[in-house]
Amino acid sequence: MLARIRSLLFTPEAPLPDADPLPAAAAALLIEAAVMDGDFDADERAVIADLLGRRFDLEPGEVATLIEDGERAVAQSVELYGTTRVLKDGLDHQGRLEVMEMLWQVVWPMAKMHSR
């Protein structure tokens, strides 16, 4: 799964959209990673809120809105391409690496818990 996400984030660049959709795309991708085990619990929500707030310098209300919107987007989405494309196009190599690190911070605790 992470190899697939990585390949989407690190493909040749395309033009940026007019608005800055990066925080919303990051929220959707992190939530998508969190729900892969069939659950989006309070701990995962807190990790994602912290990551989004720190990475994009957002206030708690902005983060809460991003997470709510991200949950709706994930529930309605059938693919990750659009979300990852926004991040790939809008972030430089270092920024994409930071998103990969954020993903690991979301999925690693889940992986440890499910391996027990």
C-alpha atoms as a PDB file:
ATOM      1  CA  MET A   1       0.000   0.000   0.000  1.00  0.00           C
ATOM      2  CA  LEU A   2       2.711   2.506   0.942  1.00  0.00           C
ATOM      3  CA  ALA A   3       4.648   1.711  -2.233  1.00  0.00           C
ATOM      4  CA  ARG A   4       1.536   2.614  -4.230  1.00  0.00           C
ATOM      5  CA  ILE A   5       1.071   5.888  -2.327  1.00  0.00           C
ATOM      6  CA  ARG A   6       4.775   6.661  -2.703  1.00  0.00           C
ATOM      7  CA  SER A   7       4.604   6.106  -6.465  1.00  0.00           C
ATOM      8  CA  LEU A   8       1.680   8.518  -6.698  1.00  0.00           C
ATOM      9  CA  LEU A   9       3.475  11.182  -4.666  1.00  0.00           C
ATOM     10  CA  PHE A  10       6.768  10.987  -6.547  1.00  0.00           C
ATOM     11  CA  THR A  11       5.714  10.997 -10.224  1.00  0.00           C
ATOM     12  CA  PRO A  12       6.489  13.807 -12.723  1.00  0.00           C
ATOM     13  CA  GLU A  13       4.930  17.149 -11.834  1.00  0.00           C
ATOM     14  CA  ALA A  14       1.784  18.741 -13.288  1.00  0.00           C
ATOM     15  CA  PRO A  15       0.397  22.311 -12.997  1.00  0.00           C
ATOM     16  CA  LEU A  16      -0.825  23.521  -9.600  1.00  0.00           C
ATOM     17  CA  PRO A  17      -4.514  24.248  -9.072  1.00  0.00           C
ATOM     18  CA  ASP A  18      -5.460  27.889  -8.354  1.00  0.00           C
ATOM     19  CA  ALA A  19      -6.406  27.376  -4.689  1.00  0.00           C
ATOM     20  CA  ASP A  20      -4.178  25.860  -2.003  1.00  0.00           C
ATOM     21  CA  PRO A  21      -5.814  22.468  -1.374  1.00  0.00           C
ATOM     22  CA  LEU A  22      -2.770  20.936   0.352  1.00  0.00           C
ATOM     23  CA  PRO A  23      -4.109  20.775   3.930  1.00  0.00           C
ATOM     24  CA  ALA A  24      -7.383  19.220   2.754  1.00  0.00           C
ATOM     25  CA  ALA A  25      -5.572  16.684   0.577  1.00  0.00           C
ATOM     26  CA  ALA A  26      -3.217  15.790   3.416  1.00  0.00           C
ATOM     27  CA  ALA A  27      -6.163  15.373   5.794  1.00  0.00           C
ATOM     28  CA  ALA A  28      -7.972  13.087   3.356  1.00  0.00           C
ATOM     29  CA  LEU A  29      -4.874  10.970   2.766  1.00  0.00           C
ATOM     30  CA  LEU A  30      -4.127  10.625   6.480  1.00  0.00           C
ATOM     31  CA  ILE A  31      -7.750   9.723   7.215  1.00  0.00           C
ATOM     32  CA  GLU A  32      -7.721   7.209   4.358  1.00  0.00           C
ATOM     33  CA  ALA A  33      -4.682   5.564   5.965  1.00  0.00           C
ATOM     34  CA  ALA A  34      -6.385   5.568   9.364  1.00  0.00           C
ATOM     35  CA  VAL A  35      -9.599   3.926   8.149  1.00  0.00           C
ATOM     36  CA  MET A  36      -7.859   1.110   6.282  1.00  0.00           C
ATOM     37  CA  ASP A  37      -8.298  -1.125   9.315  1.00  0.00           C
ATOM     38  CA  GLY A  38     -12.048  -0.430   9.318  1.00  0.00           C
ATOM     39  CA  ASP A  39     -11.943   2.014  12.228  1.00  0.00           C
ATOM     40  CA  PHE A  40     -11.124   5.691  12.771  1.00  0.00           C
ATOM     41  CA  ASP A  41     -10.772   5.977  16.520  1.00  0.00           C
ATOM     42  CA  ALA A  42     -10.130   8.908  18.844  1.00  0.00           C
ATOM     43  CA  ASP A  43      -6.389   8.172  19.080  1.00  0.00           C
ATOM     44  CA  GLU A  44      -5.992   8.224  15.298  1.00  0.00           C
ATOM     45  CA  ARG A  45      -8.071  11.394  15.103  1.00  0.00           C
ATOM     46  CA  ALA A  46      -5.848  13.063  17.724  1.00  0.00           C
ATOM     47  CA  VAL A  47      -2.645  12.068  15.898  1.00  0.00           C
ATOM     48  CA  ILE A  48      -3.992  13.393  12.603  1.00  0.00           C
ATOM     49  CA  ALA A  49      -5.200  16.622  14.218  1.00  0.00           C
ATOM     50  CA  ASP A  50      -1.786  17.196  15.777  1.00  0.00           C
ATOM     51  CA  LEU A  51       0.059  16.432  12.525  1.00  0.00           C
ATOM     52  CA  LEU A  52      -2.142  18.723  10.440  1.00  0.00           C
ATOM     53  CA  GLY A  53      -2.006  21.535  12.973  1.00  0.00           C
ATOM     54  CA  ARG A  54       1.780  21.454  13.196  1.00  0.00           C
ATOM     55  CA  ARG A  55       2.523  20.868   9.487  1.00  0.00           C
ATOM     56  CA  PHE A  56       0.168  23.540   8.157  1.00  0.00           C
ATOM     57  CA  ASP A  57       0.191  25.905  11.186  1.00  0.00           C
ATOM     58  CA  LEU A  58      -3.560  25.651  11.716  1.00  0.00           C
ATOM     59  CA  GLU A  59      -5.836  26.571  14.597  1.00  0.00           C
ATOM     60  CA  PRO A  60      -7.821  23.771  16.309  1.00  0.00           C
ATOM     61  CA  GLY A  61     -11.075  24.876  14.647  1.00  0.00           C
ATOM     62  CA  GLU A  62      -9.470  24.772  11.215  1.00  0.00           C
ATOM     63  CA  VAL A  63      -8.100  21.302  11.932  1.00  0.00           C
ATOM     64  CA  ALA A  64     -11.506  20.062  13.119  1.00  0.00           C
ATOM     65  CA  THR A  65     -13.108  21.330   9.906  1.00  0.00           C
ATOM     66  CA  LEU A  66     -10.390  19.689   7.803  1.00  0.00           C
ATOM     67  CA  ILE A  67     -10.939  16.365   9.550  1.00  0.00           C
ATOM     68  CA  GLU A  68     -14.722  16.544   9.137  1.00  0.00           C
ATOM     69  CA  ASP A  69     -14.351  17.439   5.455  1.00  0.00           C
ATOM     70  CA  GLY A  70     -11.679  14.755   5.056  1.00  0.00           C
ATOM     71  CA  GLU A  71     -13.954  12.094   6.526  1.00  0.00           C
ATOM     72  CA  ARG A  72     -16.708  13.031   4.060  1.00  0.00           C
ATOM     73  CA  ALA A  73     -14.242  13.032   1.162  1.00  0.00           C
ATOM     74  CA  VAL A  74     -12.890   9.600   2.123  1.00  0.00           C
ATOM     75  CA  ALA A  75     -16.401   8.171   2.525  1.00  0.00           C
ATOM     76  CA  GLN A  76     -17.366   9.413  -0.953  1.00  0.00           C
ATOM     77  CA  SER A  77     -14.099   8.630  -2.725  1.00  0.00           C
ATOM     78  CA  VAL A  78     -13.401   5.493  -4.713  1.00  0.00           C
ATOM     79  CA  GLU A  79      -9.735   6.288  -5.447  1.00  0.00           C
ATOM     80  CA  LEU A  80      -6.694   8.079  -4.024  1.00  0.00           C
ATOM     81  CA  TYR A  81      -5.327   9.501  -7.254  1.00  0.00           C
ATOM     82  CA  GLY A  82      -6.923  12.951  -6.988  1.00  0.00           C
ATOM     83  CA  THR A  83      -5.829  13.389  -3.382  1.00  0.00           C
ATOM     84  CA  THR A  84      -2.270  12.257  -3.909  1.00  0.00           C
ATOM     85  CA  ARG A  85      -2.022  14.258  -7.130  1.00  0.00           C
ATOM     86  CA  VAL A  86      -2.776  17.483  -5.257  1.00  0.00           C
ATOM     87  CA  LEU A  87       0.011  16.715  -2.785  1.00  0.00           C
ATOM     88  CA  LYS A  88       2.464  15.646  -5.460  1.00  0.00           C
ATOM     89  CA  ASP A  89       1.811  18.763  -7.503  1.00  0.00           C
ATOM     90  CA  GLY A  90       1.764  21.163  -4.571  1.00  0.00           C
ATOM     91  CA  LEU A  91       4.749  19.975  -2.557  1.00  0.00           C
ATOM     92  CA  ASP A  92       8.429  19.803  -3.337  1.00  0.00           C
ATOM     93  CA  HIS A  93      10.399  16.622  -2.683  1.00  0.00           C
ATOM     94  CA  GLN A  94      10.970  17.515   0.984  1.00  0.00           C
ATOM     95  CA  GLY A  95       7.279  18.271   1.467  1.00  0.00           C
ATOM     96  CA  ARG A  96       6.320  14.902  -0.014  1.00  0.00           C
ATOM     97  CA  LEU A  97       8.761  13.197   2.340  1.00  0.00           C
ATOM     98  CA  GLU A  98       7.110  15.006   5.250  1.00  0.00           C
ATOM     99  CA  VAL A  99       3.702  13.686   4.154  1.00  0.00           C
ATOM    100  CA  MET A 100       5.155  10.171   4.001  1.00  0.00           C
ATOM    101  CA  GLU A 101       6.434  10.620   7.566  1.00  0.00           C
ATOM    102  CA  MET A 102       2.986  11.826   8.627  1.00  0.00           C
ATOM    103  CA  LEU A 103       1.441   8.707   7.086  1.00  0.00           C
ATOM    104  CA  TRP A 104       3.824   6.491   9.043  1.00  0.00           C
ATOM    105  CA  GLN A 105       2.888   8.284  12.250  1.00  0.00           C
ATOM    106  CA  VAL A 106      -0.738   7.388  11.571  1.00  0.00           C
ATOM    107  CA  VAL A 107      -0.318   3.782  10.399  1.00  0.00           C
ATOM    108  CA  TRP A 108       2.573   2.580  12.573  1.00  0.00           C
ATOM    109  CA  PRO A 109       0.586   2.496  15.849  1.00  0.00           C
ATOM    110  CA  MET A 110      -2.189   0.593  14.022  1.00  0.00           C
ATOM    111  CA  ALA A 111       0.276  -1.915  12.599  1.00  0.00           C
ATOM    112  CA  LYS A 112       1.800  -2.556  16.027  1.00  0.00           C
ATOM    113  CA  MET A 113      -1.625  -3.019  17.581  1.00  0.00           C
ATOM    114  CA  HIS A 114      -2.822  -5.468  14.912  1.00  0.00           C
ATOM    115  CA  SER A 115       0.357  -7.549  15.007  1.00  0.00           C
ATOM    116  CA  ARG A 116      -0.283  -8.577  18.602  1.00  0.00           C
END
